[in-house]
Amino acid sequence: MLLIACPYCGPRPELEFSHGGQAHVARPDDPADIGADDWGAYLYMRVNAKGVHAERWRHVHGCARFFNALRDTTTDRFVATYKCGQPRPDSAP
């Protein structure tokens, strides 16, 4: 079983967590002033390349908090986890 290190609770089994999508996606400053194409791109377009991705996760069956993680999509290995609001750490292991 995969262990995910919650920055609040420590390492826990993957079954306690829920994936929340790509991390660090900036919301438009004034959503009412952007067009439908830009709004659609904000809502649906995400990076999906091989390698290390910054993702948002939630410890659903624990502290229930959201946090960010760097995960390598080629190996499913978590490189780092960090609290929301903190800058993305260096992706080197």
PDB file of N, CA and C in Angstrom:
ATOM      1  N   MET A   1       0.836  -1.181   0.000  1.00  0.00           N
ATOM      2  CA  MET A   1       0.000   0.000   0.000  1.00  0.00           C
ATOM      3  C   MET A   1       0.884   1.249   0.000  1.00  0.00           C
ATOM      4  N   LEU A   2       0.448   2.241  -0.715  1.00  0.00           N
ATOM      5  CA  LEU A   2       1.154   3.504  -0.806  1.00  0.00           C
ATOM      6  C   LEU A   2       0.896   4.336   0.449  1.00  0.00           C
ATOM      7  N   LEU A   3       1.948   4.920   1.013  1.00  0.00           N
ATOM      8  CA  LEU A   3       1.806   5.831   2.142  1.00  0.00           C
ATOM      9  C   LEU A   3       1.979   7.260   1.646  1.00  0.00           C
ATOM     10  N   ILE A   4       1.095   8.131   2.081  1.00  0.00           N
ATOM     11  CA  ILE A   4       1.170   9.546   1.743  1.00  0.00           C
ATOM     12  C   ILE A   4       1.434  10.303   3.032  1.00  0.00           C
ATOM     13  N   ALA A   5       2.442  11.172   3.011  1.00  0.00           N
ATOM     14  CA  ALA A   5       2.813  11.928   4.211  1.00  0.00           C
ATOM     15  C   ALA A   5       1.983  13.207   4.293  1.00  0.00           C
ATOM     16  N   CYS A   6       0.910  13.170   5.068  1.00  0.00           N
ATOM     17  CA  CYS A   6       0.110  14.368   5.296  1.00  0.00           C
ATOM     18  C   CYS A   6       0.968  15.342   6.110  1.00  0.00           C
ATOM     19  N   PRO A   7       1.082  16.605   5.684  1.00  0.00           N
ATOM     20  CA  PRO A   7       1.920  17.552   6.429  1.00  0.00           C
ATOM     21  C   PRO A   7       1.357  17.888   7.811  1.00  0.00           C
ATOM     22  N   TYR A   8       0.120  17.507   8.081  1.00  0.00           N
ATOM     23  CA  TYR A   8      -0.506  17.758   9.375  1.00  0.00           C
ATOM     24  C   TYR A   8      -0.506  16.517  10.276  1.00  0.00           C
ATOM     25  N   CYS A   9      -0.680  15.325   9.685  1.00  0.00           N
ATOM     26  CA  CYS A   9      -0.865  14.099  10.467  1.00  0.00           C
ATOM     27  C   CYS A   9       0.269  13.096  10.341  1.00  0.00           C
ATOM     28  N   GLY A  10       1.142  13.259   9.353  1.00  0.00           N
ATOM     29  CA  GLY A  10       2.199  12.289   9.114  1.00  0.00           C
ATOM     30  C   GLY A  10       1.770  11.242   8.096  1.00  0.00           C
ATOM     31  N   PRO A  11       2.599  10.210   7.918  1.00  0.00           N
ATOM     32  CA  PRO A  11       2.316   9.178   6.902  1.00  0.00           C
ATOM     33  C   PRO A  11       1.045   8.393   7.216  1.00  0.00           C
ATOM     34  N   ARG A  12       0.199   8.255   6.196  1.00  0.00           N
ATOM     35  CA  ARG A  12      -1.047   7.510   6.321  1.00  0.00           C
ATOM     36  C   ARG A  12      -1.279   6.730   5.028  1.00  0.00           C
ATOM     37  N   PRO A  13      -2.106   5.664   5.083  1.00  0.00           N
ATOM     38  CA  PRO A  13      -2.395   4.885   3.877  1.00  0.00           C
ATOM     39  C   PRO A  13      -3.149   5.709   2.833  1.00  0.00           C
ATOM     40  N   GLU A  14      -2.895   5.407   1.582  1.00  0.00           N
ATOM     41  CA  GLU A  14      -3.490   6.157   0.476  1.00  0.00           C
ATOM     42  C   GLU A  14      -5.018   6.144   0.499  1.00  0.00           C
ATOM     43  N   LEU A  15      -5.629   5.147   1.091  1.00  0.00           N
ATOM     44  CA  LEU A  15      -7.087   5.046   1.128  1.00  0.00           C
ATOM     45  C   LEU A  15      -7.731   6.175   1.929  1.00  0.00           C
ATOM     46  N   GLU A  16      -6.951   6.885   2.738  1.00  0.00           N
ATOM     47  CA  GLU A  16      -7.477   7.988   3.542  1.00  0.00           C
ATOM     48  C   GLU A  16      -7.546   9.301   2.762  1.00  0.00           C
ATOM     49  N   PHE A  17      -7.048   9.320   1.528  1.00  0.00           N
ATOM     50  CA  PHE A  17      -6.884  10.575   0.791  1.00  0.00           C
ATOM     51  C   PHE A  17      -7.740  10.621  -0.467  1.00  0.00           C
ATOM     52  N   SER A  18      -7.986  11.847  -0.907  1.00  0.00           N
ATOM     53  CA  SER A  18      -8.709  12.088  -2.149  1.00  0.00           C
ATOM     54  C   SER A  18      -7.927  13.098  -2.982  1.00  0.00           C
ATOM     55  N   HIS A  19      -7.799  12.803  -4.264  1.00  0.00           N
ATOM     56  CA  HIS A  19      -7.076  13.683  -5.188  1.00  0.00           C
ATOM     57  C   HIS A  19      -7.936  14.902  -5.508  1.00  0.00           C
ATOM     58  N   GLY A  20      -7.331  16.075  -5.525  1.00  0.00           N
ATOM     59  CA  GLY A  20      -8.084  17.304  -5.765  1.00  0.00           C
ATOM     60  C   GLY A  20      -7.674  18.059  -7.009  1.00  0.00           C
ATOM     61  N   GLY A  21      -6.880  17.463  -7.880  1.00  0.00           N
ATOM     62  CA  GLY A  21      -6.506  18.121  -9.123  1.00  0.00           C
ATOM     63  C   GLY A  21      -5.168  18.834  -9.039  1.00  0.00           C
ATOM     64  N   GLN A  22      -4.878  19.602 -10.056  1.00  0.00           N
ATOM     65  CA  GLN A  22      -3.608  20.323 -10.168  1.00  0.00           C
ATOM     66  C   GLN A  22      -3.539  21.437  -9.131  1.00  0.00           C
ATOM     67  N   ALA A  23      -2.402  21.591  -8.504  1.00  0.00           N
ATOM     68  CA  ALA A  23      -2.191  22.654  -7.518  1.00  0.00           C
ATOM     69  C   ALA A  23      -1.695  23.925  -8.197  1.00  0.00           C
ATOM     70  N   HIS A  24      -1.793  25.018  -7.490  1.00  0.00           N
ATOM     71  CA  HIS A  24      -1.269  26.323  -7.914  1.00  0.00           C
ATOM     72  C   HIS A  24      -1.932  26.855  -9.183  1.00  0.00           C
ATOM     73  N   VAL A  25      -3.216  26.597  -9.352  1.00  0.00           N
ATOM     74  CA  VAL A  25      -3.966  27.151 -10.470  1.00  0.00           C
ATOM     75  C   VAL A  25      -4.567  28.470  -9.989  1.00  0.00           C
ATOM     76  N   ALA A  26      -4.149  29.559 -10.580  1.00  0.00           N
ATOM     77  CA  ALA A  26      -4.580  30.888 -10.132  1.00  0.00           C
ATOM     78  C   ALA A  26      -5.971  31.222 -10.680  1.00  0.00           C
ATOM     79  N   ARG A  27      -6.868  31.585  -9.795  1.00  0.00           N
ATOM     80  CA  ARG A  27      -8.211  32.018 -10.183  1.00  0.00           C
ATOM     81  C   ARG A  27      -8.114  33.394 -10.843  1.00  0.00           C
ATOM     82  N   PRO A  28      -8.913  33.647 -11.880  1.00  0.00           N
ATOM     83  CA  PRO A  28      -8.895  34.975 -12.511  1.00  0.00           C
ATOM     84  C   PRO A  28      -9.238  36.070 -11.496  1.00  0.00           C
ATOM     85  N   ASP A  29      -8.583  37.219 -11.623  1.00  0.00           N
ATOM     86  CA  ASP A  29      -8.811  38.324 -10.691  1.00  0.00           C
ATOM     87  C   ASP A  29     -10.265  38.781 -10.690  1.00  0.00           C
ATOM     88  N   ASP A  30     -10.847  38.904 -11.859  1.00  0.00           N
ATOM     89  CA  ASP A  30     -12.238  39.339 -11.973  1.00  0.00           C
ATOM     90  C   ASP A  30     -12.962  38.414 -12.947  1.00  0.00           C
ATOM     91  N   PRO A  31     -13.531  37.316 -12.454  1.00  0.00           N
ATOM     92  CA  PRO A  31     -14.150  36.331 -13.346  1.00  0.00           C
ATOM     93  C   PRO A  31     -15.246  36.892 -14.242  1.00  0.00           C
ATOM     94  N   ALA A  32     -15.926  37.946 -13.805  1.00  0.00           N
ATOM     95  CA  ALA A  32     -17.010  38.515 -14.610  1.00  0.00           C
ATOM     96  C   ALA A  32     -16.488  39.199 -15.865  1.00  0.00           C
ATOM     97  N   ASP A  33     -15.215  39.570 -15.875  1.00  0.00           N
ATOM     98  CA  ASP A  33     -14.653  40.302 -17.007  1.00  0.00           C
ATOM     99  C   ASP A  33     -13.930  39.434 -18.031  1.00  0.00           C
ATOM    100  N   ILE A  34     -13.868  38.131 -17.813  1.00  0.00           N
ATOM    101  CA  ILE A  34     -13.188  37.288 -18.796  1.00  0.00           C
ATOM    102  C   ILE A  34     -14.214  36.592 -19.683  1.00  0.00           C
ATOM    103  N   GLY A  35     -13.792  36.235 -20.866  1.00  0.00           N
ATOM    104  CA  GLY A  35     -14.693  35.594 -21.822  1.00  0.00           C
ATOM    105  C   GLY A  35     -14.912  34.120 -21.520  1.00  0.00           C
ATOM    106  N   ALA A  36     -15.839  33.537 -22.240  1.00  0.00           N
ATOM    107  CA  ALA A  36     -16.191  32.128 -22.037  1.00  0.00           C
ATOM    108  C   ALA A  36     -15.012  31.201 -22.313  1.00  0.00           C
ATOM    109  N   ASP A  37     -14.222  31.504 -23.331  1.00  0.00           N
ATOM    110  CA  ASP A  37     -13.072  30.660 -23.658  1.00  0.00           C
ATOM    111  C   ASP A  37     -12.035  30.679 -22.533  1.00  0.00           C
ATOM    112  N   ASP A  38     -11.752  31.872 -21.999  1.00  0.00           N
ATOM    113  CA  ASP A  38     -10.791  31.979 -20.897  1.00  0.00           C
ATOM    114  C   ASP A  38     -11.321  31.311 -19.628  1.00  0.00           C
ATOM    115  N   TRP A  39     -12.610  31.461 -19.369  1.00  0.00           N
ATOM    116  CA  TRP A  39     -13.211  30.836 -18.190  1.00  0.00           C
ATOM    117  C   TRP A  39     -13.176  29.310 -18.340  1.00  0.00           C
ATOM    118  N   GLY A  40     -13.475  28.815 -19.517  1.00  0.00           N
ATOM    119  CA  GLY A  40     -13.402  27.376 -19.774  1.00  0.00           C
ATOM    120  C   GLY A  40     -11.991  26.844 -19.618  1.00  0.00           C
ATOM    121  N   ALA A  41     -11.006  27.611 -20.099  1.00  0.00           N
ATOM    122  CA  ALA A  41      -9.605  27.193 -19.943  1.00  0.00           C
ATOM    123  C   ALA A  41      -9.224  27.122 -18.468  1.00  0.00           C
ATOM    124  N   TYR A  42      -9.676  28.096 -17.665  1.00  0.00           N
ATOM    125  CA  TYR A  42      -9.387  28.083 -16.225  1.00  0.00           C
ATOM    126  C   TYR A  42     -10.011  26.847 -15.560  1.00  0.00           C
ATOM    127  N   LEU A  43     -11.237  26.534 -15.918  1.00  0.00           N
ATOM    128  CA  LEU A  43     -11.942  25.437 -15.264  1.00  0.00           C
ATOM    129  C   LEU A  43     -11.459  24.051 -15.686  1.00  0.00           C
ATOM    130  N   TYR A  44     -11.107  23.894 -16.953  1.00  0.00           N
ATOM    131  CA  TYR A  44     -10.905  22.544 -17.474  1.00  0.00           C
ATOM    132  C   TYR A  44      -9.516  22.209 -17.992  1.00  0.00           C
ATOM    133  N   MET A  45      -8.736  23.177 -18.410  1.00  0.00           N
ATOM    134  CA  MET A  45      -7.440  22.879 -19.014  1.00  0.00           C
ATOM    135  C   MET A  45      -6.368  22.734 -17.940  1.00  0.00           C
ATOM    136  N   ARG A  46      -5.724  21.571 -17.900  1.00  0.00           N
ATOM    137  CA  ARG A  46      -4.694  21.292 -16.920  1.00  0.00           C
ATOM    138  C   ARG A  46      -3.493  20.654 -17.607  1.00  0.00           C
ATOM    139  N   VAL A  47      -2.335  20.799 -16.978  1.00  0.00           N
ATOM    140  CA  VAL A  47      -1.105  20.192 -17.479  1.00  0.00           C
ATOM    141  C   VAL A  47      -1.191  18.691 -17.219  1.00  0.00           C
ATOM    142  N   ASN A  48      -0.825  17.888 -18.211  1.00  0.00           N
ATOM    143  CA  ASN A  48      -0.901  16.436 -18.050  1.00  0.00           C
ATOM    144  C   ASN A  48       0.290  15.759 -18.719  1.00  0.00           C
ATOM    145  N   ALA A  49       1.482  16.216 -18.403  1.00  0.00           N
ATOM    146  CA  ALA A  49       2.693  15.638 -18.986  1.00  0.00           C
ATOM    147  C   ALA A  49       3.314  14.633 -18.013  1.00  0.00           C
ATOM    148  N   LYS A  50       4.167  13.766 -18.516  1.00  0.00           N
ATOM    149  CA  LYS A  50       4.881  12.828 -17.653  1.00  0.00           C
ATOM    150  C   LYS A  50       5.826  13.583 -16.735  1.00  0.00           C
ATOM    151  N   GLY A  51       6.014  13.043 -15.542  1.00  0.00           N
ATOM    152  CA  GLY A  51       6.986  13.627 -14.632  1.00  0.00           C
ATOM    153  C   GLY A  51       6.364  14.123 -13.342  1.00  0.00           C
ATOM    154  N   VAL A  52       7.069  15.032 -12.689  1.00  0.00           N
ATOM    155  CA  VAL A  52       6.658  15.529 -11.379  1.00  0.00           C
ATOM    156  C   VAL A  52       5.597  16.625 -11.554  1.00  0.00           C
ATOM    157  N   HIS A  53       4.465  16.440 -10.885  1.00  0.00           N
ATOM    158  CA  HIS A  53       3.353  17.393 -10.930  1.00  0.00           C
ATOM    159  C   HIS A  53       3.062  17.893  -9.527  1.00  0.00           C
ATOM    160  N   ALA A  54       2.669  19.153  -9.419  1.00  0.00           N
ATOM    161  CA  ALA A  54       2.151  19.689  -8.165  1.00  0.00           C
ATOM    162  C   ALA A  54       0.647  19.434  -8.158  1.00  0.00           C
ATOM    163  N   GLU A  55       0.190  18.705  -7.152  1.00  0.00           N
ATOM    164  CA  GLU A  55      -1.214  18.325  -7.068  1.00  0.00           C
ATOM    165  C   GLU A  55      -1.787  18.733  -5.717  1.00  0.00           C
ATOM    166  N   ARG A  56      -3.093  18.890  -5.687  1.00  0.00           N
ATOM    167  CA  ARG A  56      -3.799  19.164  -4.446  1.00  0.00           C
ATOM    168  C   ARG A  56      -4.431  17.859  -3.972  1.00  0.00           C
ATOM    169  N   TRP A  57      -4.285  17.589  -2.675  1.00  0.00           N
ATOM    170  CA  TRP A  57      -4.846  16.390  -2.068  1.00  0.00           C
ATOM    171  C   TRP A  57      -5.615  16.774  -0.815  1.00  0.00           C
ATOM    172  N   ARG A  58      -6.538  15.914  -0.396  1.00  0.00           N
ATOM    173  CA  ARG A  58      -7.284  16.137   0.841  1.00  0.00           C
ATOM    174  C   ARG A  58      -7.224  14.869   1.680  1.00  0.00           C
ATOM    175  N   HIS A  59      -6.919  15.053   2.953  1.00  0.00           N
ATOM    176  CA  HIS A  59      -6.878  13.933   3.894  1.00  0.00           C
ATOM    177  C   HIS A  59      -8.298  13.714   4.420  1.00  0.00           C
ATOM    178  N   VAL A  60      -9.112  13.095   3.611  1.00  0.00           N
ATOM    179  CA  VAL A  60     -10.539  12.951   3.865  1.00  0.00           C
ATOM    180  C   VAL A  60     -10.824  12.205   5.166  1.00  0.00           C
ATOM    181  N   HIS A  61     -10.159  11.090   5.382  1.00  0.00           N
ATOM    182  CA  HIS A  61     -10.425  10.261   6.560  1.00  0.00           C
ATOM    183  C   HIS A  61      -9.402  10.515   7.661  1.00  0.00           C
ATOM    184  N   GLY A  62      -8.995  11.741   7.801  1.00  0.00           N
ATOM    185  CA  GLY A  62      -8.040  12.138   8.833  1.00  0.00           C
ATOM    186  C   GLY A  62      -8.381  13.542   9.285  1.00  0.00           C
ATOM    187  N   CYS A  63      -7.471  14.470   9.074  1.00  0.00           N
ATOM    188  CA  CYS A  63      -7.661  15.861   9.502  1.00  0.00           C
ATOM    189  C   CYS A  63      -8.619  16.631   8.597  1.00  0.00           C
ATOM    190  N   ALA A  64      -8.953  16.089   7.424  1.00  0.00           N
ATOM    191  CA  ALA A  64      -9.868  16.689   6.441  1.00  0.00           C
ATOM    192  C   ALA A  64      -9.301  17.954   5.798  1.00  0.00           C
ATOM    193  N   ARG A  65      -8.024  18.197   5.942  1.00  0.00           N
ATOM    194  CA  ARG A  65      -7.404  19.394   5.370  1.00  0.00           C
ATOM    195  C   ARG A  65      -6.869  19.119   3.966  1.00  0.00           C
ATOM    196  N   PHE A  66      -6.824  20.183   3.174  1.00  0.00           N
ATOM    197  CA  PHE A  66      -6.180  20.125   1.872  1.00  0.00           C
ATOM    198  C   PHE A  66      -4.692  20.404   2.049  1.00  0.00           C
ATOM    199  N   PHE A  67      -3.882  19.817   1.182  1.00  0.00           N
ATOM    200  CA  PHE A  67      -2.453  20.089   1.127  1.00  0.00           C
ATOM    201  C   PHE A  67      -1.990  19.849  -0.296  1.00  0.00           C
ATOM    202  N   ASN A  68      -0.782  20.274  -0.582  1.00  0.00           N
ATOM    203  CA  ASN A  68      -0.208  20.083  -1.912  1.00  0.00           C
ATOM    204  C   ASN A  68       0.864  19.003  -1.861  1.00  0.00           C
ATOM    205  N   ALA A  69       1.053  18.344  -2.981  1.00  0.00           N
ATOM    206  CA  ALA A  69       2.064  17.293  -3.070  1.00  0.00           C
ATOM    207  C   ALA A  69       2.738  17.345  -4.432  1.00  0.00           C
ATOM    208  N   LEU A  70       3.996  16.996  -4.456  1.00  0.00           N
ATOM    209  CA  LEU A  70       4.698  16.781  -5.715  1.00  0.00           C
ATOM    210  C   LEU A  70       4.728  15.278  -5.928  1.00  0.00           C
ATOM    211  N   ARG A  71       4.142  14.837  -7.035  1.00  0.00           N
ATOM    212  CA  ARG A  71       4.062  13.400  -7.325  1.00  0.00           C
ATOM    213  C   ARG A  71       4.582  13.151  -8.727  1.00  0.00           C
ATOM    214  N   ASP A  72       5.415  12.137  -8.849  1.00  0.00           N
ATOM    215  CA  ASP A  72       5.941  11.725 -10.149  1.00  0.00           C
ATOM    216  C   ASP A  72       4.918  10.796 -10.790  1.00  0.00           C
ATOM    217  N   THR A  73       4.344  11.215 -11.893  1.00  0.00           N
ATOM    218  CA  THR A  73       3.290  10.425 -12.539  1.00  0.00           C
ATOM    219  C   THR A  73       3.816   9.171 -13.230  1.00  0.00           C
ATOM    220  N   THR A  74       5.115   9.098 -13.466  1.00  0.00           N
ATOM    221  CA  THR A  74       5.664   7.904 -14.118  1.00  0.00           C
ATOM    222  C   THR A  74       5.875   6.768 -13.123  1.00  0.00           C
ATOM    223  N   THR A  75       6.082   7.101 -11.845  1.00  0.00           N
ATOM    224  CA  THR A  75       6.333   6.070 -10.830  1.00  0.00           C
ATOM    225  C   THR A  75       5.278   6.055  -9.734  1.00  0.00           C
ATOM    226  N   ASP A  76       4.387   7.033  -9.709  1.00  0.00           N
ATOM    227  CA  ASP A  76       3.376   7.214  -8.672  1.00  0.00           C
ATOM    228  C   ASP A  76       4.015   7.472  -7.298  1.00  0.00           C
ATOM    229  N   ARG A  77       5.246   7.965  -7.314  1.00  0.00           N
ATOM    230  CA  ARG A  77       5.982   8.238  -6.073  1.00  0.00           C
ATOM    231  C   ARG A  77       5.774   9.686  -5.652  1.00  0.00           C
ATOM    232  N   PHE A  78       5.491   9.890  -4.370  1.00  0.00           N
ATOM    233  CA  PHE A  78       5.363  11.239  -3.830  1.00  0.00           C
ATOM    234  C   PHE A  78       6.749  11.755  -3.492  1.00  0.00           C
ATOM    235  N   VAL A  79       7.128  12.867  -4.096  1.00  0.00           N
ATOM    236  CA  VAL A  79       8.442  13.465  -3.894  1.00  0.00           C
ATOM    237  C   VAL A  79       8.429  14.339  -2.647  1.00  0.00           C
ATOM    238  N   ALA A  80       7.337  15.097  -2.447  1.00  0.00           N
ATOM    239  CA  ALA A  80       7.219  15.987  -1.293  1.00  0.00           C
ATOM    240  C   ALA A  80       5.754  16.315  -1.058  1.00  0.00           C
ATOM    241  N   THR A  81       5.414  16.643   0.181  1.00  0.00           N
ATOM    242  CA  THR A  81       4.103  17.178   0.519  1.00  0.00           C
ATOM    243  C   THR A  81       4.322  18.460   1.308  1.00  0.00           C
ATOM    244  N   TYR A  82       3.394  19.402   1.153  1.00  0.00           N
ATOM    245  CA  TYR A  82       3.534  20.682   1.837  1.00  0.00           C
ATOM    246  C   TYR A  82       2.167  21.330   1.993  1.00  0.00           C
ATOM    247  N   LYS A  83       2.050  22.206   2.973  1.00  0.00           N
ATOM    248  CA  LYS A  83       0.786  22.853   3.290  1.00  0.00           C
ATOM    249  C   LYS A  83       0.392  23.849   2.200  1.00  0.00           C
ATOM    250  N   CYS A  84      -0.914  24.018   1.998  1.00  0.00           N
ATOM    251  CA  CYS A  84      -1.413  25.021   1.063  1.00  0.00           C
ATOM    252  C   CYS A  84      -0.944  26.393   1.518  1.00  0.00           C
ATOM    253  N   GLY A  85      -0.574  27.225   0.574  1.00  0.00           N
ATOM    254  CA  GLY A  85      -0.074  28.553   0.884  1.00  0.00           C
ATOM    255  C   GLY A  85       1.440  28.615   0.945  1.00  0.00           C
ATOM    256  N   GLN A  86       2.087  27.468   1.107  1.00  0.00           N
ATOM    257  CA  GLN A  86       3.551  27.429   1.078  1.00  0.00           C
ATOM    258  C   GLN A  86       4.010  27.350  -0.371  1.00  0.00           C
ATOM    259  N   PRO A  87       5.195  27.880  -0.658  1.00  0.00           N
ATOM    260  CA  PRO A  87       5.694  27.785  -2.039  1.00  0.00           C
ATOM    261  C   PRO A  87       6.041  26.335  -2.397  1.00  0.00           C
ATOM    262  N   ARG A  88       5.983  26.075  -3.679  1.00  0.00           N
ATOM    263  CA  ARG A  88       6.324  24.736  -4.183  1.00  0.00           C
ATOM    264  C   ARG A  88       7.797  24.459  -3.894  1.00  0.00           C
ATOM    265  N   PRO A  89       8.122  23.343  -3.233  1.00  0.00           N
ATOM    266  CA  PRO A  89       9.516  23.021  -2.977  1.00  0.00           C
ATOM    267  C   PRO A  89      10.235  22.539  -4.230  1.00  0.00           C
ATOM    268  N   ASP A  90      11.549  22.484  -4.151  1.00  0.00           N
ATOM    269  CA  ASP A  90      12.333  21.940  -5.250  1.00  0.00           C
ATOM    270  C   ASP A  90      11.891  20.498  -5.468  1.00  0.00           C
ATOM    271  N   SER A  91      11.728  20.088  -6.715  1.00  0.00           N
ATOM    272  CA  SER A  91      11.206  18.752  -7.004  1.00  0.00           C
ATOM    273  C   SER A  91      12.267  17.659  -6.912  1.00  0.00           C
ATOM    274  N   ALA A  92      13.501  18.006  -6.564  1.00  0.00           N
ATOM    275  CA  ALA A  92      14.545  16.979  -6.429  1.00  0.00           C
ATOM    276  C   ALA A  92      14.280  16.136  -5.195  1.00  0.00           C
ATOM    277  N   PRO A  93      14.459  14.803  -5.289  1.00  0.00           N
ATOM    278  CA  PRO A  93      14.204  13.921  -4.138  1.00  0.00           C
ATOM    279  C   PRO A  93      15.121  14.174  -2.969  1.00  0.00           C
TER     280      PRO A  93
END
